[in-house]
Amino acid sequence: MNKWYQSKEVDNIIISNRIRLARNVEEFKFPVKMDEKEALALNSKMKDTVDKLDEYKLKYIELGDVRHIQKRKMIERHIMSPHMLNQSLPGMVVLNNSETISIMVNEEDHLRLQGIGAGHDISSTWKTVDMLDDAIEDHIDYAYSEKYGYMTSCPTNLGTGLRASYMLHLPLLEKTQYLQELLVEVGKLGMSIRGIYGEGSKSLASIYQISNQKTLGRTEEEIIESMQNIAMHIVDKEQGIRNNISLNLEGKLRDQVYRSYGILAYARQLTLSEAVNLLSDVKLGFEMGIYDMPQPKRSIYEIMIMIQDASIGEKALREDKGLPEDVIRANLIRKYLKEDI
């Protein structure tokens, strides 16, 4: 089964949409107060629950059995958060084969349910996560208050416990001062713009996440509708720059994206930062129809995922022992760009 990031839908301004629910189990203390025995008991309870959810075809991964590099690889694929990388409590990740559904167990909250999909259709993602949430609640009692809604470790998640987000490719907005103005503008509307891996992360390849900051006092539908409206506003701004670029700047942009493609097609050594920034140019070139050549078999965003540090590091350990990682990265990109063209 294909992963969500292998869809051609990811090679647009809107790369992906995500829904995340924060939930805690009534019979357990919050993770910050839990000990190892309690954390293991929660893991066991979730295993029993997952075994009853046959229709979702979920599997669970106990993080204590996973090497550090594999955990980093899961972060690169947005399966788990950077917070879990050095979590002291025994944690677990539950996911399906396409990686459109994942559940982090013993993160900041007992459960972080996540649905992710390629492109803009966040309503379908919400429907999937909402149904999964109900199915889990048939077997587990959530901590819930009639006054405050779902009880969470962080007060900003009280209420619905829902975070809706889009991942956006904004290379031309990034080159203007308007992106900084957007940061202020969306902040006033209760939204935030963060880096590619969410809170505390930096932007890579002109990719940003926009998400709601608060969940209390608003319904799930209101949060999602606001997110859709603001995301579309940002997309319109990026698309407007692309549509109205002057002839002089168009020539410079055409030269830039062709140069970037040429470097990637022939380079023998590439750092991660250099590679993803060049791939961002190539992504833009295909999105704007600048290139006079067919797009590679793989989406450009999938290539970005495949050449991240942990993925390259794991490949170095498994297959290309002795080769520097920057050489492996350049070799992979050349291979992917030429596949089935």
C-alpha atoms as a PDB file:
ATOM      1  CA  MET A   1       0.000   0.000   0.000  1.00  0.00           C
ATOM      2  CA  ASN A   2       1.294   3.446  -0.927  1.00  0.00           C
ATOM      3  CA  LYS A   3       2.136   6.000   1.742  1.00  0.00           C
ATOM      4  CA  TRP A   4       0.268   9.313   1.747  1.00  0.00           C
ATOM      5  CA  TYR A   5       3.390  11.240   0.693  1.00  0.00           C
ATOM      6  CA  GLN A   6       3.701   9.126  -2.470  1.00  0.00           C
ATOM      7  CA  SER A   7       0.584  10.773  -3.927  1.00  0.00           C
ATOM      8  CA  LYS A   8       1.065  13.354  -6.673  1.00  0.00           C
ATOM      9  CA  GLU A   9      -1.278  15.607  -4.684  1.00  0.00           C
ATOM     10  CA  VAL A  10       1.649  16.555  -2.451  1.00  0.00           C
ATOM     11  CA  ASP A  11       3.291  18.479  -5.296  1.00  0.00           C
ATOM     12  CA  ASN A  12       1.065  21.522  -4.909  1.00  0.00           C
ATOM     13  CA  ILE A  13       1.082  24.570  -2.642  1.00  0.00           C
ATOM     14  CA  ILE A  14      -0.890  22.529  -0.091  1.00  0.00           C
ATOM     15  CA  ILE A  15       1.255  19.460   0.557  1.00  0.00           C
ATOM     16  CA  SER A  16      -0.858  17.824   3.252  1.00  0.00           C
ATOM     17  CA  ASN A  17      -3.562  18.259   5.855  1.00  0.00           C
ATOM     18  CA  ARG A  18      -3.565  16.889   9.380  1.00  0.00           C
ATOM     19  CA  ILE A  19      -5.972  16.377  12.262  1.00  0.00           C
ATOM     20  CA  ARG A  20      -4.634  15.621  15.747  1.00  0.00           C
ATOM     21  CA  LEU A  21      -6.660  14.860  18.878  1.00  0.00           C
ATOM     22  CA  ALA A  22      -5.245  14.986  22.410  1.00  0.00           C
ATOM     23  CA  ARG A  23      -6.848  12.445  24.747  1.00  0.00           C
ATOM     24  CA  ASN A  24      -6.174  11.146  28.260  1.00  0.00           C
ATOM     25  CA  VAL A  25      -7.444   7.976  29.901  1.00  0.00           C
ATOM     26  CA  GLU A  26      -9.524   8.559  33.009  1.00  0.00           C
ATOM     27  CA  GLU A  27      -7.937   5.877  35.225  1.00  0.00           C
ATOM     28  CA  PHE A  28      -4.339   7.064  34.728  1.00  0.00           C
ATOM     29  CA  LYS A  29      -2.373  10.109  35.914  1.00  0.00           C
ATOM     30  CA  PHE A  30      -1.190  12.556  33.270  1.00  0.00           C
ATOM     31  CA  PRO A  31       2.138  11.436  31.709  1.00  0.00           C
ATOM     32  CA  VAL A  32       4.090  14.083  33.633  1.00  0.00           C
ATOM     33  CA  LYS A  33       3.047  12.308  36.872  1.00  0.00           C
ATOM     34  CA  MET A  34       3.188   8.711  35.653  1.00  0.00           C
ATOM     35  CA  ASP A  35       5.826   6.167  36.594  1.00  0.00           C
ATOM     36  CA  GLU A  36       7.151   3.381  34.395  1.00  0.00           C
ATOM     37  CA  LYS A  37       4.724   0.774  35.734  1.00  0.00           C
ATOM     38  CA  GLU A  38       1.692   2.966  34.947  1.00  0.00           C
ATOM     39  CA  ALA A  39       3.040   3.803  31.492  1.00  0.00           C
ATOM     40  CA  LEU A  40       3.471   0.110  30.697  1.00  0.00           C
ATOM     41  CA  ALA A  41      -0.084  -0.564  31.926  1.00  0.00           C
ATOM     42  CA  LEU A  42      -1.406   2.086  29.538  1.00  0.00           C
ATOM     43  CA  ASN A  43       0.596   0.575  26.670  1.00  0.00           C
ATOM     44  CA  SER A  44      -0.944  -2.800  27.459  1.00  0.00           C
ATOM     45  CA  LYS A  45      -4.443  -1.305  27.539  1.00  0.00           C
ATOM     46  CA  MET A  46      -3.869   0.307  24.142  1.00  0.00           C
ATOM     47  CA  LYS A  47      -2.581  -2.966  22.676  1.00  0.00           C
ATOM     48  CA  ASP A  48      -5.777  -4.699  23.802  1.00  0.00           C
ATOM     49  CA  THR A  49      -7.827  -1.894  22.258  1.00  0.00           C
ATOM     50  CA  VAL A  50      -5.920  -1.928  18.961  1.00  0.00           C
ATOM     51  CA  ASP A  51      -6.480  -5.687  18.685  1.00  0.00           C
ATOM     52  CA  LYS A  52     -10.235  -5.014  18.731  1.00  0.00           C
ATOM     53  CA  LEU A  53     -10.148  -2.426  15.921  1.00  0.00           C
ATOM     54  CA  ASP A  54      -9.821  -4.888  13.044  1.00  0.00           C
ATOM     55  CA  GLU A  55     -11.236  -2.570  10.371  1.00  0.00           C
ATOM     56  CA  TYR A  56      -8.360  -0.074  10.793  1.00  0.00           C
ATOM     57  CA  LYS A  57      -5.586  -2.675  10.288  1.00  0.00           C
ATOM     58  CA  LEU A  58      -3.376  -1.018  12.892  1.00  0.00           C
ATOM     59  CA  LYS A  59      -0.043  -2.255  14.209  1.00  0.00           C
ATOM     60  CA  TYR A  60       1.816  -1.107  17.303  1.00  0.00           C
ATOM     61  CA  ILE A  61       5.503  -0.363  17.737  1.00  0.00           C
ATOM     62  CA  GLU A  62       6.997  -0.259  21.228  1.00  0.00           C
ATOM     63  CA  LEU A  63       9.619   2.468  21.145  1.00  0.00           C
ATOM     64  CA  GLY A  64      11.845   0.641  23.614  1.00  0.00           C
ATOM     65  CA  ASP A  65      12.416  -1.958  20.883  1.00  0.00           C
ATOM     66  CA  VAL A  66      13.298   0.625  18.230  1.00  0.00           C
ATOM     67  CA  ARG A  67      16.731   2.051  17.491  1.00  0.00           C
ATOM     68  CA  HIS A  68      17.279   5.798  17.828  1.00  0.00           C
ATOM     69  CA  ILE A  69      17.776   6.223  14.087  1.00  0.00           C
ATOM     70  CA  GLN A  70      14.429   4.519  13.389  1.00  0.00           C
ATOM     71  CA  LYS A  71      12.691   6.889  15.796  1.00  0.00           C
ATOM     72  CA  ARG A  72      14.212   9.844  13.950  1.00  0.00           C
ATOM     73  CA  LYS A  73      12.984   8.323  10.704  1.00  0.00           C
ATOM     74  CA  MET A  74       9.437   8.230  12.114  1.00  0.00           C
ATOM     75  CA  ILE A  75       9.749  11.928  12.971  1.00  0.00           C
ATOM     76  CA  GLU A  76      10.825  12.672   9.389  1.00  0.00           C
ATOM     77  CA  ARG A  77       7.673  10.904   8.170  1.00  0.00           C
ATOM     78  CA  HIS A  78       5.471  12.811  10.672  1.00  0.00           C
ATOM     79  CA  ILE A  79       4.488   9.547  12.409  1.00  0.00           C
ATOM     80  CA  MET A  80       5.644  10.751  15.810  1.00  0.00           C
ATOM     81  CA  SER A  81       6.699  14.042  17.357  1.00  0.00           C
ATOM     82  CA  PRO A  82      10.228  15.173  18.271  1.00  0.00           C
ATOM     83  CA  HIS A  83       8.952  15.266  21.897  1.00  0.00           C
ATOM     84  CA  MET A  84       8.861  11.458  21.970  1.00  0.00           C
ATOM     85  CA  LEU A  85      12.462  11.010  20.807  1.00  0.00           C
ATOM     86  CA  ASN A  86      13.935  11.323  24.290  1.00  0.00           C
ATOM     87  CA  GLN A  87      10.787  10.546  26.290  1.00  0.00           C
ATOM     88  CA  SER A  88      11.736   8.742  29.511  1.00  0.00           C
ATOM     89  CA  LEU A  89       8.430   6.857  29.842  1.00  0.00           C
ATOM     90  CA  PRO A  90       7.895   3.657  27.851  1.00  0.00           C
ATOM     91  CA  GLY A  91       6.076   4.863  24.747  1.00  0.00           C
ATOM     92  CA  MET A  92       4.373   3.296  21.798  1.00  0.00           C
ATOM     93  CA  VAL A  93       3.304   4.269  18.291  1.00  0.00           C
ATOM     94  CA  VAL A  94       0.254   2.782  16.580  1.00  0.00           C
ATOM     95  CA  LEU A  95      -0.158   3.202  12.827  1.00  0.00           C
ATOM     96  CA  ASN A  96      -1.665   1.793   9.651  1.00  0.00           C
ATOM     97  CA  ASN A  97       0.229   0.733   6.531  1.00  0.00           C
ATOM     98  CA  SER A  98      -0.341   3.940   4.557  1.00  0.00           C
ATOM     99  CA  GLU A  99       0.715   6.036   7.580  1.00  0.00           C
ATOM    100  CA  THR A 100      -2.444   8.121   7.253  1.00  0.00           C
ATOM    101  CA  ILE A 101      -3.337   7.136  10.837  1.00  0.00           C
ATOM    102  CA  SER A 102      -0.960   7.159  13.782  1.00  0.00           C
ATOM    103  CA  ILE A 103      -1.408   7.233  17.544  1.00  0.00           C
ATOM    104  CA  MET A 104       1.341   8.289  19.935  1.00  0.00           C
ATOM    105  CA  VAL A 105       0.980   6.642  23.350  1.00  0.00           C
ATOM    106  CA  ASN A 106       2.558   8.347  26.371  1.00  0.00           C
ATOM    107  CA  GLU A 107       3.533  11.543  24.635  1.00  0.00           C
ATOM    108  CA  GLU A 108       2.583  14.850  26.346  1.00  0.00           C
ATOM    109  CA  ASP A 109      -0.876  13.285  26.701  1.00  0.00           C
ATOM    110  CA  HIS A 110      -1.744   9.603  27.024  1.00  0.00           C
ATOM    111  CA  LEU A 111      -2.936   9.484  23.421  1.00  0.00           C
ATOM    112  CA  ARG A 112      -2.278  11.711  20.431  1.00  0.00           C
ATOM    113  CA  LEU A 113      -4.512  10.511  17.588  1.00  0.00           C
ATOM    114  CA  GLN A 114      -3.389  11.766  14.191  1.00  0.00           C
ATOM    115  CA  GLY A 115      -4.785  11.581  10.704  1.00  0.00           C
ATOM    116  CA  ILE A 116      -2.824  12.937   7.762  1.00  0.00           C
ATOM    117  CA  GLY A 117      -3.686  13.132   4.090  1.00  0.00           C
ATOM    118  CA  ALA A 118      -2.155  14.421   0.878  1.00  0.00           C
ATOM    119  CA  GLY A 119      -3.551  17.689  -0.445  1.00  0.00           C
ATOM    120  CA  HIS A 120      -6.299  19.901   0.895  1.00  0.00           C
ATOM    121  CA  ASP A 121      -9.161  17.548   1.848  1.00  0.00           C
ATOM    122  CA  ILE A 122      -9.024  18.025   5.616  1.00  0.00           C
ATOM    123  CA  SER A 123     -12.748  17.221   5.989  1.00  0.00           C
ATOM    124  CA  SER A 124     -12.153  13.601   4.948  1.00  0.00           C
ATOM    125  CA  THR A 125      -9.208  13.367   7.335  1.00  0.00           C
ATOM    126  CA  TRP A 126     -11.358  14.711  10.162  1.00  0.00           C
ATOM    127  CA  LYS A 127     -14.086  12.154   9.419  1.00  0.00           C
ATOM    128  CA  THR A 128     -11.554   9.306   9.633  1.00  0.00           C
ATOM    129  CA  VAL A 129     -10.018  10.528  12.914  1.00  0.00           C
ATOM    130  CA  ASP A 130     -13.426  11.243  14.454  1.00  0.00           C
ATOM    131  CA  MET A 131     -14.593   7.685  13.702  1.00  0.00           C
ATOM    132  CA  LEU A 132     -11.359   6.230  15.115  1.00  0.00           C
ATOM    133  CA  ASP A 133     -11.733   8.368  18.246  1.00  0.00           C
ATOM    134  CA  ASP A 134     -15.264   7.031  18.773  1.00  0.00           C
ATOM    135  CA  ALA A 135     -14.097   3.452  18.213  1.00  0.00           C
ATOM    136  CA  ILE A 136     -11.358   3.810  20.840  1.00  0.00           C
ATOM    137  CA  GLU A 137     -13.790   5.422  23.281  1.00  0.00           C
ATOM    138  CA  ASP A 138     -15.969   2.302  23.026  1.00  0.00           C
ATOM    139  CA  HIS A 139     -13.172   0.501  24.910  1.00  0.00           C
ATOM    140  CA  ILE A 140     -11.498   3.279  26.939  1.00  0.00           C
ATOM    141  CA  ASP A 141     -12.961   5.972  29.213  1.00  0.00           C
ATOM    142  CA  TYR A 142     -11.499   9.373  28.365  1.00  0.00           C
ATOM    143  CA  ALA A 143     -10.873  12.047  30.988  1.00  0.00           C
ATOM    144  CA  TYR A 144     -13.679  14.543  30.296  1.00  0.00           C
ATOM    145  CA  SER A 145     -15.216  17.539  32.054  1.00  0.00           C
ATOM    146  CA  GLU A 146     -18.678  18.914  31.305  1.00  0.00           C
ATOM    147  CA  LYS A 147     -17.251  22.395  31.856  1.00  0.00           C
ATOM    148  CA  TYR A 148     -13.838  22.155  30.134  1.00  0.00           C
ATOM    149  CA  GLY A 149     -14.261  19.330  27.644  1.00  0.00           C
ATOM    150  CA  TYR A 150     -11.443  16.808  27.138  1.00  0.00           C
ATOM    151  CA  MET A 151      -8.860  17.113  29.903  1.00  0.00           C
ATOM    152  CA  THR A 152      -5.329  17.578  28.571  1.00  0.00           C
ATOM    153  CA  SER A 153      -1.826  18.166  29.927  1.00  0.00           C
ATOM    154  CA  CYS A 154      -1.576  21.574  28.254  1.00  0.00           C
ATOM    155  CA  PRO A 155      -4.420  24.070  28.883  1.00  0.00           C
ATOM    156  CA  THR A 156      -4.343  25.214  25.240  1.00  0.00           C
ATOM    157  CA  ASN A 157      -5.664  21.781  24.228  1.00  0.00           C
ATOM    158  CA  LEU A 158      -8.665  21.824  26.580  1.00  0.00           C
ATOM    159  CA  GLY A 159     -12.080  21.601  24.961  1.00  0.00           C
ATOM    160  CA  THR A 160     -12.103  19.582  21.777  1.00  0.00           C
ATOM    161  CA  GLY A 161      -8.398  18.676  22.061  1.00  0.00           C
ATOM    162  CA  LEU A 162      -8.236  19.184  18.302  1.00  0.00           C
ATOM    163  CA  ARG A 163      -5.389  20.646  16.281  1.00  0.00           C
ATOM    164  CA  ALA A 164      -6.021  21.059  12.569  1.00  0.00           C
ATOM    165  CA  SER A 165      -3.131  21.938  10.312  1.00  0.00           C
ATOM    166  CA  TYR A 166      -1.958  22.273   6.748  1.00  0.00           C
ATOM    167  CA  MET A 167       1.567  21.900   5.432  1.00  0.00           C
ATOM    168  CA  LEU A 168       2.220  24.530   2.758  1.00  0.00           C
ATOM    169  CA  HIS A 169       4.977  25.125   0.210  1.00  0.00           C
ATOM    170  CA  LEU A 170       5.478  28.911   0.128  1.00  0.00           C
ATOM    171  CA  PRO A 171       8.752  29.669  -1.716  1.00  0.00           C
ATOM    172  CA  LEU A 172       7.690  32.972  -3.281  1.00  0.00           C
ATOM    173  CA  LEU A 173       5.940  34.265  -0.169  1.00  0.00           C
ATOM    174  CA  GLU A 174       9.112  33.415   1.725  1.00  0.00           C
ATOM    175  CA  LYS A 175      11.069  35.724  -0.562  1.00  0.00           C
ATOM    176  CA  THR A 176       8.781  38.655   0.292  1.00  0.00           C
ATOM    177  CA  GLN A 177       8.131  40.567   3.497  1.00  0.00           C
ATOM    178  CA  TYR A 178       4.508  39.457   3.368  1.00  0.00           C
ATOM    179  CA  LEU A 179       5.278  36.142   5.061  1.00  0.00           C
ATOM    180  CA  GLN A 180       6.328  38.009   8.217  1.00  0.00           C
ATOM    181  CA  GLU A 181       3.132  40.040   8.039  1.00  0.00           C
ATOM    182  CA  LEU A 182       1.191  36.773   7.783  1.00  0.00           C
ATOM    183  CA  LEU A 183       2.765  35.540  11.015  1.00  0.00           C
ATOM    184  CA  VAL A 184       1.253  38.518  12.821  1.00  0.00           C
ATOM    185  CA  GLU A 185      -2.043  38.337  10.947  1.00  0.00           C
ATOM    186  CA  VAL A 186      -2.750  34.650  11.622  1.00  0.00           C
ATOM    187  CA  GLY A 187      -1.636  35.034  15.245  1.00  0.00           C
ATOM    188  CA  LYS A 188      -4.438  37.547  15.794  1.00  0.00           C
ATOM    189  CA  LEU A 189      -6.852  34.947  14.436  1.00  0.00           C
ATOM    190  CA  GLY A 190      -5.722  32.274  16.899  1.00  0.00           C
ATOM    191  CA  MET A 191      -3.496  30.443  14.422  1.00  0.00           C
ATOM    192  CA  SER A 192       0.260  29.905  14.206  1.00  0.00           C
ATOM    193  CA  ILE A 193       2.779  29.255  11.439  1.00  0.00           C
ATOM    194  CA  ARG A 194       5.619  26.897  12.342  1.00  0.00           C
ATOM    195  CA  GLY A 195       8.378  24.906  10.697  1.00  0.00           C
ATOM    196  CA  ILE A 196       8.065  21.607   8.879  1.00  0.00           C
ATOM    197  CA  TYR A 197       8.007  19.461  12.059  1.00  0.00           C
ATOM    198  CA  GLY A 198       5.687  21.713  14.054  1.00  0.00           C
ATOM    199  CA  GLU A 199       6.344  23.504  17.327  1.00  0.00           C
ATOM    200  CA  GLY A 200       9.963  24.524  17.867  1.00  0.00           C
ATOM    201  CA  SER A 201      11.108  23.446  14.405  1.00  0.00           C
ATOM    202  CA  LYS A 202      12.522  25.554  11.589  1.00  0.00           C
ATOM    203  CA  SER A 203      11.340  25.840   8.028  1.00  0.00           C
ATOM    204  CA  LEU A 204      13.025  23.591   5.487  1.00  0.00           C
ATOM    205  CA  ALA A 205      12.558  23.893   1.732  1.00  0.00           C
ATOM    206  CA  SER A 206      10.107  26.832   2.179  1.00  0.00           C
ATOM    207  CA  ILE A 207       7.642  24.450   3.873  1.00  0.00           C
ATOM    208  CA  TYR A 208       5.492  25.695   6.759  1.00  0.00           C
ATOM    209  CA  GLN A 209       2.746  24.318   9.002  1.00  0.00           C
ATOM    210  CA  ILE A 210      -0.258  26.437   9.882  1.00  0.00           C
ATOM    211  CA  SER A 211      -2.416  25.265  12.796  1.00  0.00           C
ATOM    212  CA  ASN A 212      -4.905  26.485  15.397  1.00  0.00           C
ATOM    213  CA  GLN A 213      -3.463  27.527  18.783  1.00  0.00           C
ATOM    214  CA  LYS A 214      -6.513  27.028  21.029  1.00  0.00           C
ATOM    215  CA  THR A 215      -9.322  24.499  21.182  1.00  0.00           C
ATOM    216  CA  LEU A 216     -11.481  25.601  24.128  1.00  0.00           C
ATOM    217  CA  GLY A 217     -14.845  27.214  23.405  1.00  0.00           C
ATOM    218  CA  ARG A 218     -15.017  26.197  19.747  1.00  0.00           C
ATOM    219  CA  THR A 219     -16.484  23.134  18.054  1.00  0.00           C
ATOM    220  CA  GLU A 220     -14.411  20.849  15.863  1.00  0.00           C
ATOM    221  CA  GLU A 221     -16.265  22.076  12.785  1.00  0.00           C
ATOM    222  CA  GLU A 222     -15.577  25.733  13.644  1.00  0.00           C
ATOM    223  CA  ILE A 223     -11.863  25.058  14.102  1.00  0.00           C
ATOM    224  CA  ILE A 224     -11.609  23.175  10.802  1.00  0.00           C
ATOM    225  CA  GLU A 225     -13.593  25.800   8.885  1.00  0.00           C
ATOM    226  CA  SER A 226     -11.383  28.608  10.226  1.00  0.00           C
ATOM    227  CA  MET A 227      -8.279  26.630   9.307  1.00  0.00           C
ATOM    228  CA  GLN A 228      -9.567  26.031   5.780  1.00  0.00           C
ATOM    229  CA  ASN A 229     -10.362  29.725   5.282  1.00  0.00           C
ATOM    230  CA  ILE A 230      -6.984  30.941   6.519  1.00  0.00           C
ATOM    231  CA  ALA A 231      -5.065  28.293   4.582  1.00  0.00           C
ATOM    232  CA  MET A 232      -6.904  29.238   1.387  1.00  0.00           C
ATOM    233  CA  HIS A 233      -6.095  32.900   2.037  1.00  0.00           C
ATOM    234  CA  ILE A 234      -2.381  32.066   2.286  1.00  0.00           C
ATOM    235  CA  VAL A 235      -2.555  29.830  -0.802  1.00  0.00           C
ATOM    236  CA  ASP A 236      -4.201  32.666  -2.744  1.00  0.00           C
ATOM    237  CA  LYS A 237      -1.347  35.004  -1.753  1.00  0.00           C
ATOM    238  CA  GLU A 238       1.326  32.525  -2.896  1.00  0.00           C
ATOM    239  CA  GLN A 239      -0.588  31.725  -6.090  1.00  0.00           C
ATOM    240  CA  GLY A 240      -1.111  35.433  -6.762  1.00  0.00           C
ATOM    241  CA  ILE A 241       2.639  36.042  -6.734  1.00  0.00           C
ATOM    242  CA  ARG A 242       3.149  33.075  -9.059  1.00  0.00           C
ATOM    243  CA  ASN A 243       0.476  34.314 -11.481  1.00  0.00           C
ATOM    244  CA  ASN A 244       1.579  37.938 -11.542  1.00  0.00           C
ATOM    245  CA  ILE A 245       5.348  37.585 -11.644  1.00  0.00           C
ATOM    246  CA  SER A 246       6.914  40.083 -14.039  1.00  0.00           C
ATOM    247  CA  LEU A 247       8.654  39.028 -17.255  1.00  0.00           C
ATOM    248  CA  ASN A 248      12.034  40.081 -15.845  1.00  0.00           C
ATOM    249  CA  LEU A 249      11.553  38.067 -12.667  1.00  0.00           C
ATOM    250  CA  GLU A 250      10.074  35.163 -14.625  1.00  0.00           C
ATOM    251  CA  GLY A 251      13.305  34.871 -16.575  1.00  0.00           C
ATOM    252  CA  LYS A 252      15.347  34.848 -13.373  1.00  0.00           C
ATOM    253  CA  LEU A 253      13.020  32.289 -11.796  1.00  0.00           C
ATOM    254  CA  ARG A 254      13.205  30.042 -14.862  1.00  0.00           C
ATOM    255  CA  ASP A 255      16.994  30.187 -14.735  1.00  0.00           C
ATOM    256  CA  GLN A 256      17.001  29.449 -10.994  1.00  0.00           C
ATOM    257  CA  VAL A 257      14.780  26.354 -11.167  1.00  0.00           C
ATOM    258  CA  TYR A 258      16.708  24.951 -14.150  1.00  0.00           C
ATOM    259  CA  ARG A 259      20.003  25.532 -12.368  1.00  0.00           C
ATOM    260  CA  SER A 260      18.665  23.767  -9.286  1.00  0.00           C
ATOM    261  CA  TYR A 261      17.520  20.795 -11.354  1.00  0.00           C
ATOM    262  CA  GLY A 262      20.902  20.660 -13.081  1.00  0.00           C
ATOM    263  CA  ILE A 263      22.807  20.604  -9.785  1.00  0.00           C
ATOM    264  CA  LEU A 264      20.610  17.825  -8.412  1.00  0.00           C
ATOM    265  CA  ALA A 265      20.880  15.823 -11.642  1.00  0.00           C
ATOM    266  CA  TYR A 266      24.703  15.844 -11.613  1.00  0.00           C
ATOM    267  CA  ALA A 267      25.921  16.552  -8.061  1.00  0.00           C
ATOM    268  CA  ARG A 268      27.949  13.818  -6.382  1.00  0.00           C
ATOM    269  CA  GLN A 269      27.690  15.158  -2.835  1.00  0.00           C
ATOM    270  CA  LEU A 270      24.831  17.087  -1.172  1.00  0.00           C
ATOM    271  CA  THR A 271      24.101  18.178   2.396  1.00  0.00           C
ATOM    272  CA  LEU A 272      20.503  17.914   3.596  1.00  0.00           C
ATOM    273  CA  SER A 273      20.044  21.688   3.699  1.00  0.00           C
ATOM    274  CA  GLU A 274      21.401  22.156   0.186  1.00  0.00           C
ATOM    275  CA  ALA A 275      19.402  19.233  -1.210  1.00  0.00           C
ATOM    276  CA  VAL A 276      15.990  20.234   0.184  1.00  0.00           C
ATOM    277  CA  ASN A 277      16.393  23.858  -0.853  1.00  0.00           C
ATOM    278  CA  LEU A 278      17.266  22.784  -4.403  1.00  0.00           C
ATOM    279  CA  LEU A 279      14.326  20.356  -4.370  1.00  0.00           C
ATOM    280  CA  SER A 280      12.080  23.213  -3.263  1.00  0.00           C
ATOM    281  CA  ASP A 281      13.079  25.073  -6.438  1.00  0.00           C
ATOM    282  CA  VAL A 282      12.409  21.964  -8.516  1.00  0.00           C
ATOM    283  CA  LYS A 283       9.032  21.479  -6.832  1.00  0.00           C
ATOM    284  CA  LEU A 284       8.151  25.070  -7.695  1.00  0.00           C
ATOM    285  CA  GLY A 285       9.325  24.566 -11.281  1.00  0.00           C
ATOM    286  CA  PHE A 286       6.992  21.624 -11.812  1.00  0.00           C
ATOM    287  CA  GLU A 287       4.087  23.278  -9.965  1.00  0.00           C
ATOM    288  CA  MET A 288       4.338  26.352 -12.202  1.00  0.00           C
ATOM    289  CA  GLY A 289       4.800  24.346 -15.394  1.00  0.00           C
ATOM    290  CA  ILE A 290       8.186  25.939 -16.075  1.00  0.00           C
ATOM    291  CA  TYR A 291      10.024  22.755 -17.061  1.00  0.00           C
ATOM    292  CA  ASP A 292       9.811  21.346 -20.590  1.00  0.00           C
ATOM    293  CA  MET A 293      10.401  17.794 -19.336  1.00  0.00           C
ATOM    294  CA  PRO A 294       8.157  15.217 -17.642  1.00  0.00           C
ATOM    295  CA  GLN A 295       7.999  15.037 -13.873  1.00  0.00           C
ATOM    296  CA  PRO A 296       9.795  12.099 -12.214  1.00  0.00           C
ATOM    297  CA  LYS A 297       7.834   9.021 -11.194  1.00  0.00           C
ATOM    298  CA  ARG A 298       8.124   9.989  -7.527  1.00  0.00           C
ATOM    299  CA  SER A 299       6.663  13.224  -6.204  1.00  0.00           C
ATOM    300  CA  ILE A 300       9.274  15.835  -5.331  1.00  0.00           C
ATOM    301  CA  TYR A 301       7.989  15.885  -1.763  1.00  0.00           C
ATOM    302  CA  GLU A 302       8.479  12.112  -1.509  1.00  0.00           C
ATOM    303  CA  ILE A 303      12.093  12.601  -2.589  1.00  0.00           C
ATOM    304  CA  MET A 304      12.462  15.216   0.172  1.00  0.00           C
ATOM    305  CA  ILE A 305      11.210  12.642   2.678  1.00  0.00           C
ATOM    306  CA  MET A 306      13.513   9.898   1.391  1.00  0.00           C
ATOM    307  CA  ILE A 307      16.704  11.965   1.649  1.00  0.00           C
ATOM    308  CA  GLN A 308      16.287  13.206   5.232  1.00  0.00           C
ATOM    309  CA  ASP A 309      19.172  12.542   7.647  1.00  0.00           C
ATOM    310  CA  ALA A 310      17.804   9.483   9.450  1.00  0.00           C
ATOM    311  CA  SER A 311      16.597   7.826   6.244  1.00  0.00           C
ATOM    312  CA  ILE A 312      20.015   8.320   4.663  1.00  0.00           C
ATOM    313  CA  GLY A 313      21.750   7.221   7.869  1.00  0.00           C
ATOM    314  CA  GLU A 314      19.737   4.005   8.001  1.00  0.00           C
ATOM    315  CA  LYS A 315      20.522   3.294   4.350  1.00  0.00           C
ATOM    316  CA  ALA A 316      24.217   3.883   5.073  1.00  0.00           C
ATOM    317  CA  LEU A 317      24.128   1.323   7.870  1.00  0.00           C
ATOM    318  CA  ARG A 318      22.102  -1.213   5.911  1.00  0.00           C
ATOM    319  CA  GLU A 319      23.397  -1.014   2.332  1.00  0.00           C
ATOM    320  CA  ASP A 320      26.099   1.534   1.569  1.00  0.00           C
ATOM    321  CA  LYS A 321      28.594   0.933   4.335  1.00  0.00           C
ATOM    322  CA  GLY A 322      31.645   3.136   3.968  1.00  0.00           C
ATOM    323  CA  LEU A 323      30.051   5.783   1.749  1.00  0.00           C
ATOM    324  CA  PRO A 324      29.628   9.298   3.220  1.00  0.00           C
ATOM    325  CA  GLU A 325      25.965  10.181   3.795  1.00  0.00           C
ATOM    326  CA  ASP A 326      26.155  13.275   1.558  1.00  0.00           C
ATOM    327  CA  VAL A 327      27.328  11.014  -1.296  1.00  0.00           C
ATOM    328  CA  ILE A 328      24.452   8.558  -0.686  1.00  0.00           C
ATOM    329  CA  ARG A 329      21.991  11.469  -0.699  1.00  0.00           C
ATOM    330  CA  ALA A 330      23.275  12.809  -4.032  1.00  0.00           C
ATOM    331  CA  ASN A 331      23.226   9.300  -5.562  1.00  0.00           C
ATOM    332  CA  LEU A 332      19.610   8.763  -4.486  1.00  0.00           C
ATOM    333  CA  ILE A 333      18.426  12.102  -5.845  1.00  0.00           C
ATOM    334  CA  ARG A 334      20.049  11.463  -9.242  1.00  0.00           C
ATOM    335  CA  LYS A 335      18.392   8.054  -9.337  1.00  0.00           C
ATOM    336  CA  TYR A 336      14.955   9.379  -8.350  1.00  0.00           C
ATOM    337  CA  LEU A 337      15.016  12.271 -10.832  1.00  0.00           C
ATOM    338  CA  LYS A 338      15.745   9.898 -13.714  1.00  0.00           C
ATOM    339  CA  GLU A 339      13.288   7.128 -12.793  1.00  0.00           C
ATOM    340  CA  ASP A 340      10.870   6.276 -15.603  1.00  0.00           C
ATOM    341  CA  ILE A 341      11.366   9.572 -17.436  1.00  0.00           C
END
